[in-house]
N, C-alpha and C. Protein backbone atom coordinates (compact mmCIF):
# COMPACT_ATOMS: atom_id res chain seq x y z
N MET A 1 41.60 132.56 139.78
CA MET A 1 42.12 131.79 140.89
C MET A 1 41.43 130.43 140.93
N GLU A 2 42.22 129.39 141.05
CA GLU A 2 41.69 128.04 141.09
C GLU A 2 41.15 127.72 142.48
N ASN A 3 39.99 127.11 142.53
CA ASN A 3 39.39 126.72 143.80
C ASN A 3 39.91 125.34 144.18
N LYS A 4 40.61 125.26 145.32
CA LYS A 4 41.16 123.98 145.77
C LYS A 4 40.45 123.55 147.04
N SER A 5 40.19 122.27 147.16
CA SER A 5 39.56 121.76 148.37
C SER A 5 40.61 121.53 149.44
N VAL A 6 40.18 121.52 150.67
CA VAL A 6 41.06 121.29 151.81
C VAL A 6 40.95 119.82 152.22
N ASN A 7 42.09 119.19 152.36
CA ASN A 7 42.12 117.80 152.81
C ASN A 7 41.99 117.77 154.32
N MET A 8 40.82 117.46 154.83
CA MET A 8 40.57 117.48 156.26
C MET A 8 41.33 116.38 157.00
N GLN A 9 41.86 115.39 156.29
CA GLN A 9 42.60 114.32 156.95
C GLN A 9 43.99 114.76 157.39
N THR A 10 44.54 115.81 156.79
CA THR A 10 45.89 116.24 157.14
C THR A 10 45.93 117.68 157.66
N LEU A 11 44.78 118.28 157.87
CA LEU A 11 44.72 119.67 158.29
C LEU A 11 44.92 119.83 159.79
N THR A 12 45.83 120.71 160.16
CA THR A 12 46.02 121.09 161.55
C THR A 12 45.77 122.58 161.64
N VAL A 13 45.00 123.00 162.63
CA VAL A 13 44.62 124.40 162.79
C VAL A 13 45.00 124.87 164.19
N LEU A 14 45.57 126.06 164.28
CA LEU A 14 45.82 126.68 165.57
C LEU A 14 44.77 127.75 165.79
N LEU A 15 44.07 127.69 166.90
CA LEU A 15 43.02 128.66 167.21
C LEU A 15 43.49 129.59 168.32
N LEU A 16 43.27 130.88 168.13
CA LEU A 16 43.57 131.87 169.15
C LEU A 16 42.32 132.08 169.99
N ILE A 17 42.43 131.85 171.27
CA ILE A 17 41.33 132.08 172.20
C ILE A 17 41.77 133.20 173.14
N ALA A 18 40.94 133.66 174.02
CA ALA A 18 41.20 134.83 174.87
C ALA A 18 42.56 134.80 175.56
N SER A 19 43.01 133.64 176.02
CA SER A 19 44.28 133.60 176.74
C SER A 19 45.10 132.35 176.44
N TYR A 20 44.80 131.70 175.32
CA TYR A 20 45.55 130.50 174.99
C TYR A 20 45.44 130.18 173.49
N VAL A 21 46.27 129.25 173.04
CA VAL A 21 46.28 128.77 171.66
C VAL A 21 46.00 127.27 171.70
N VAL A 22 45.05 126.83 170.90
CA VAL A 22 44.67 125.42 170.83
C VAL A 22 45.03 124.88 169.46
N CYS A 23 45.54 123.66 169.43
CA CYS A 23 45.87 122.99 168.18
C CYS A 23 44.79 121.94 167.90
N LEU A 24 44.14 122.06 166.75
CA LEU A 24 43.16 121.06 166.31
C LEU A 24 43.82 120.22 165.23
N ASP A 25 43.90 118.93 165.45
CA ASP A 25 44.50 118.01 164.48
C ASP A 25 43.38 117.15 163.92
N PHE A 26 42.97 117.46 162.69
CA PHE A 26 41.85 116.76 162.09
C PHE A 26 42.21 115.33 161.68
N SER A 27 43.50 115.06 161.47
CA SER A 27 43.89 113.69 161.09
C SER A 27 43.71 112.73 162.26
N LYS A 28 43.79 113.25 163.49
CA LYS A 28 43.64 112.41 164.68
C LYS A 28 42.35 112.71 165.45
N SER A 29 41.58 113.69 164.96
CA SER A 29 40.36 114.14 165.64
C SER A 29 40.65 114.53 167.08
N THR A 30 41.72 115.31 167.29
CA THR A 30 42.09 115.73 168.63
C THR A 30 42.22 117.23 168.73
N GLN A 31 42.12 117.71 169.93
CA GLN A 31 42.44 119.10 170.24
C GLN A 31 43.38 119.08 171.44
N GLN A 32 44.34 120.00 171.42
CA GLN A 32 45.34 120.02 172.47
C GLN A 32 45.75 121.46 172.76
N LEU A 33 45.89 121.76 174.02
CA LEU A 33 46.40 123.06 174.42
C LEU A 33 47.83 123.19 173.90
N PHE A 34 48.13 124.28 173.21
CA PHE A 34 49.45 124.47 172.63
C PHE A 34 50.26 125.51 173.42
N ALA A 35 49.62 126.62 173.75
CA ALA A 35 50.30 127.68 174.50
C ALA A 35 49.29 128.40 175.36
N GLY A 36 49.74 128.84 176.53
CA GLY A 36 48.85 129.51 177.47
C GLY A 36 48.25 128.51 178.43
N ASN A 37 47.84 129.01 179.59
CA ASN A 37 47.29 128.11 180.61
C ASN A 37 45.91 128.56 181.08
N TYR A 38 45.17 129.21 180.21
CA TYR A 38 43.80 129.66 180.47
C TYR A 38 43.73 130.89 181.39
N THR A 39 44.87 131.50 181.72
CA THR A 39 44.89 132.68 182.57
C THR A 39 45.41 133.86 181.77
N ALA A 40 44.68 134.96 181.76
CA ALA A 40 45.04 136.14 180.97
C ALA A 40 45.98 137.05 181.76
N LEU A 41 47.25 136.68 181.79
CA LEU A 41 48.30 137.46 182.46
C LEU A 41 49.56 137.40 181.60
N PHE A 42 50.69 137.81 182.16
CA PHE A 42 51.98 137.61 181.51
C PHE A 42 52.90 136.84 182.44
N SER A 43 53.34 135.68 181.98
CA SER A 43 54.34 134.91 182.71
C SER A 43 54.81 133.78 181.82
N GLY A 44 55.86 133.09 182.26
CA GLY A 44 56.27 131.85 181.62
C GLY A 44 57.41 131.92 180.65
N ASP A 45 58.01 133.10 180.44
CA ASP A 45 59.14 133.16 179.51
C ASP A 45 60.22 132.17 179.90
N ASN A 46 60.80 131.55 178.90
CA ASN A 46 61.87 130.55 179.04
C ASN A 46 61.41 129.26 179.68
N GLY A 47 60.09 129.03 179.64
CA GLY A 47 59.51 127.78 180.12
C GLY A 47 58.64 127.17 179.04
N LEU A 48 57.98 126.07 179.36
CA LEU A 48 57.09 125.43 178.39
C LEU A 48 55.92 126.35 178.03
N ALA A 49 55.57 126.37 176.76
CA ALA A 49 54.51 127.25 176.27
C ALA A 49 53.17 126.99 176.96
N ILE A 50 52.88 125.73 177.30
CA ILE A 50 51.59 125.44 177.94
C ILE A 50 51.53 125.92 179.38
N ASN A 51 52.66 126.26 179.97
CA ASN A 51 52.68 126.81 181.33
C ASN A 51 52.69 128.33 181.34
N ALA A 52 52.89 128.92 180.19
CA ALA A 52 52.94 130.39 180.09
C ALA A 52 51.53 130.97 180.12
N THR A 53 51.45 132.26 180.42
CA THR A 53 50.17 132.95 180.30
C THR A 53 50.24 133.92 179.14
N LEU A 54 49.13 134.03 178.43
CA LEU A 54 48.97 134.96 177.31
C LEU A 54 47.76 135.84 177.62
N LYS A 55 47.74 137.00 176.99
CA LYS A 55 46.61 137.89 177.20
C LYS A 55 46.15 138.43 175.85
N ASN A 56 45.05 137.89 175.37
CA ASN A 56 44.43 138.32 174.12
C ASN A 56 45.36 138.16 172.92
N PRO A 57 45.84 136.94 172.64
CA PRO A 57 46.66 136.74 171.44
C PRO A 57 45.86 137.04 170.19
N LYS A 58 46.47 137.77 169.24
CA LYS A 58 45.73 138.23 168.06
C LYS A 58 46.17 137.59 166.75
N ALA A 59 47.43 137.16 166.64
CA ALA A 59 47.90 136.63 165.36
C ALA A 59 49.01 135.62 165.58
N LEU A 60 49.16 134.74 164.60
CA LEU A 60 50.20 133.72 164.62
C LEU A 60 50.97 133.75 163.31
N ALA A 61 52.24 133.40 163.38
CA ALA A 61 53.05 133.24 162.17
C ALA A 61 54.02 132.09 162.42
N ILE A 62 54.22 131.29 161.39
CA ILE A 62 55.16 130.16 161.50
C ILE A 62 56.33 130.42 160.58
N HIS A 63 57.54 130.19 161.09
CA HIS A 63 58.76 130.26 160.30
C HIS A 63 59.31 128.84 160.24
N LYS A 64 59.11 128.18 159.10
CA LYS A 64 59.46 126.76 158.98
C LYS A 64 60.96 126.52 159.14
N LYS A 65 61.79 127.36 158.54
CA LYS A 65 63.23 127.13 158.61
C LYS A 65 63.76 127.29 160.03
N MET A 66 63.20 128.23 160.78
CA MET A 66 63.62 128.43 162.18
C MET A 66 62.89 127.48 163.12
N ASN A 67 61.84 126.83 162.61
CA ASN A 67 61.01 125.94 163.41
C ASN A 67 60.42 126.69 164.62
N MET A 68 59.88 127.88 164.33
CA MET A 68 59.33 128.75 165.38
C MET A 68 57.91 129.15 165.04
N LEU A 69 57.10 129.31 166.08
CA LEU A 69 55.77 129.89 165.97
C LEU A 69 55.80 131.21 166.72
N PHE A 70 55.36 132.27 166.07
CA PHE A 70 55.33 133.60 166.67
C PHE A 70 53.89 133.95 167.03
N ILE A 71 53.71 134.49 168.23
CA ILE A 71 52.37 134.85 168.73
C ILE A 71 52.36 136.33 169.04
N ALA A 72 51.41 137.06 168.46
CA ALA A 72 51.20 138.46 168.83
C ALA A 72 50.36 138.47 170.10
N ASP A 73 51.03 138.61 171.22
CA ASP A 73 50.40 138.61 172.54
C ASP A 73 49.97 140.05 172.83
N SER A 74 48.88 140.45 172.20
CA SER A 74 48.52 141.88 172.16
C SER A 74 48.18 142.47 173.53
N GLY A 75 47.54 141.73 174.38
CA GLY A 75 47.20 142.24 175.70
C GLY A 75 48.42 142.50 176.57
N ASN A 76 49.51 141.82 176.26
CA ASN A 76 50.77 142.02 176.98
C ASN A 76 51.75 142.90 176.20
N HIS A 77 51.34 143.37 175.02
CA HIS A 77 52.17 144.24 174.18
C HIS A 77 53.53 143.60 173.91
N ARG A 78 53.49 142.32 173.49
CA ARG A 78 54.72 141.57 173.23
C ARG A 78 54.53 140.64 172.03
N ILE A 79 55.64 140.30 171.41
CA ILE A 79 55.68 139.21 170.44
C ILE A 79 56.39 138.07 171.15
N ARG A 80 55.71 136.93 171.20
CA ARG A 80 56.28 135.75 171.86
C ARG A 80 56.65 134.73 170.78
N ALA A 81 57.70 133.98 171.01
CA ALA A 81 58.14 132.95 170.08
C ALA A 81 58.16 131.61 170.80
N VAL A 82 57.63 130.60 170.12
CA VAL A 82 57.66 129.24 170.66
C VAL A 82 58.54 128.39 169.75
N ASN A 83 59.58 127.81 170.32
CA ASN A 83 60.43 126.88 169.58
C ASN A 83 59.62 125.59 169.43
N LEU A 84 59.36 125.17 168.20
CA LEU A 84 58.49 124.03 167.96
C LEU A 84 59.16 122.69 168.24
N THR A 85 60.45 122.69 168.49
CA THR A 85 61.16 121.47 168.88
C THR A 85 61.10 121.28 170.39
N THR A 86 61.34 122.35 171.13
CA THR A 86 61.41 122.26 172.59
C THR A 86 60.13 122.73 173.28
N ASN A 87 59.27 123.45 172.55
CA ASN A 87 58.04 124.07 173.09
C ASN A 87 58.33 125.11 174.17
N ILE A 88 59.51 125.71 174.12
CA ILE A 88 59.88 126.79 175.04
C ILE A 88 59.42 128.12 174.43
N ILE A 89 58.79 128.96 175.27
CA ILE A 89 58.29 130.25 174.85
C ILE A 89 59.18 131.37 175.39
N THR A 90 59.43 132.38 174.57
CA THR A 90 60.22 133.55 174.98
C THR A 90 59.61 134.80 174.36
N THR A 91 59.86 135.93 175.00
CA THR A 91 59.49 137.22 174.42
C THR A 91 60.62 137.67 173.52
N ILE A 92 60.28 138.03 172.28
CA ILE A 92 61.33 138.49 171.37
C ILE A 92 61.19 139.98 171.04
N ALA A 93 60.04 140.57 171.38
CA ALA A 93 59.84 142.00 171.15
C ALA A 93 58.78 142.50 172.11
N GLY A 94 58.92 143.76 172.51
CA GLY A 94 57.94 144.39 173.39
C GLY A 94 58.41 144.41 174.83
N THR A 95 57.88 145.39 175.54
CA THR A 95 58.28 145.59 176.93
C THR A 95 57.13 145.40 177.90
N GLY A 96 55.94 145.19 177.37
CA GLY A 96 54.77 145.05 178.22
C GLY A 96 53.95 146.32 178.31
N THR A 97 54.43 147.41 177.71
CA THR A 97 53.67 148.65 177.68
C THR A 97 53.34 148.99 176.23
N ASN A 98 52.32 149.82 176.04
CA ASN A 98 51.93 150.17 174.67
C ASN A 98 52.63 151.43 174.18
N LYS A 99 53.66 151.87 174.85
CA LYS A 99 54.39 153.05 174.43
C LYS A 99 55.43 152.69 173.38
N ILE A 100 55.54 153.53 172.36
CA ILE A 100 56.53 153.31 171.31
C ILE A 100 57.86 153.92 171.73
N CYS A 101 57.84 155.08 172.33
CA CYS A 101 59.08 155.76 172.74
C CYS A 101 59.11 155.96 174.23
């Protein structure tokens, strides 16, 4: 495997924190709240992602063709999707309980 260096001038990182997601943009030396409002609850579906509440987000996935970011909102037992054009967040899977059946 070839060892490649990371270009810190163009690197953007999304960090999962206890109840929110932060975007670090190294090209601009900025950090910005991306999703969640620092409160560990469930709310905000069909509204702006920064006004929503998340509870213990565990993983992120980006689908470039759909222009969507998916968040495993584990404390709320849901998968949330953020439209990267409108920044609207919605629940796409899960009911809020940890029961399978």
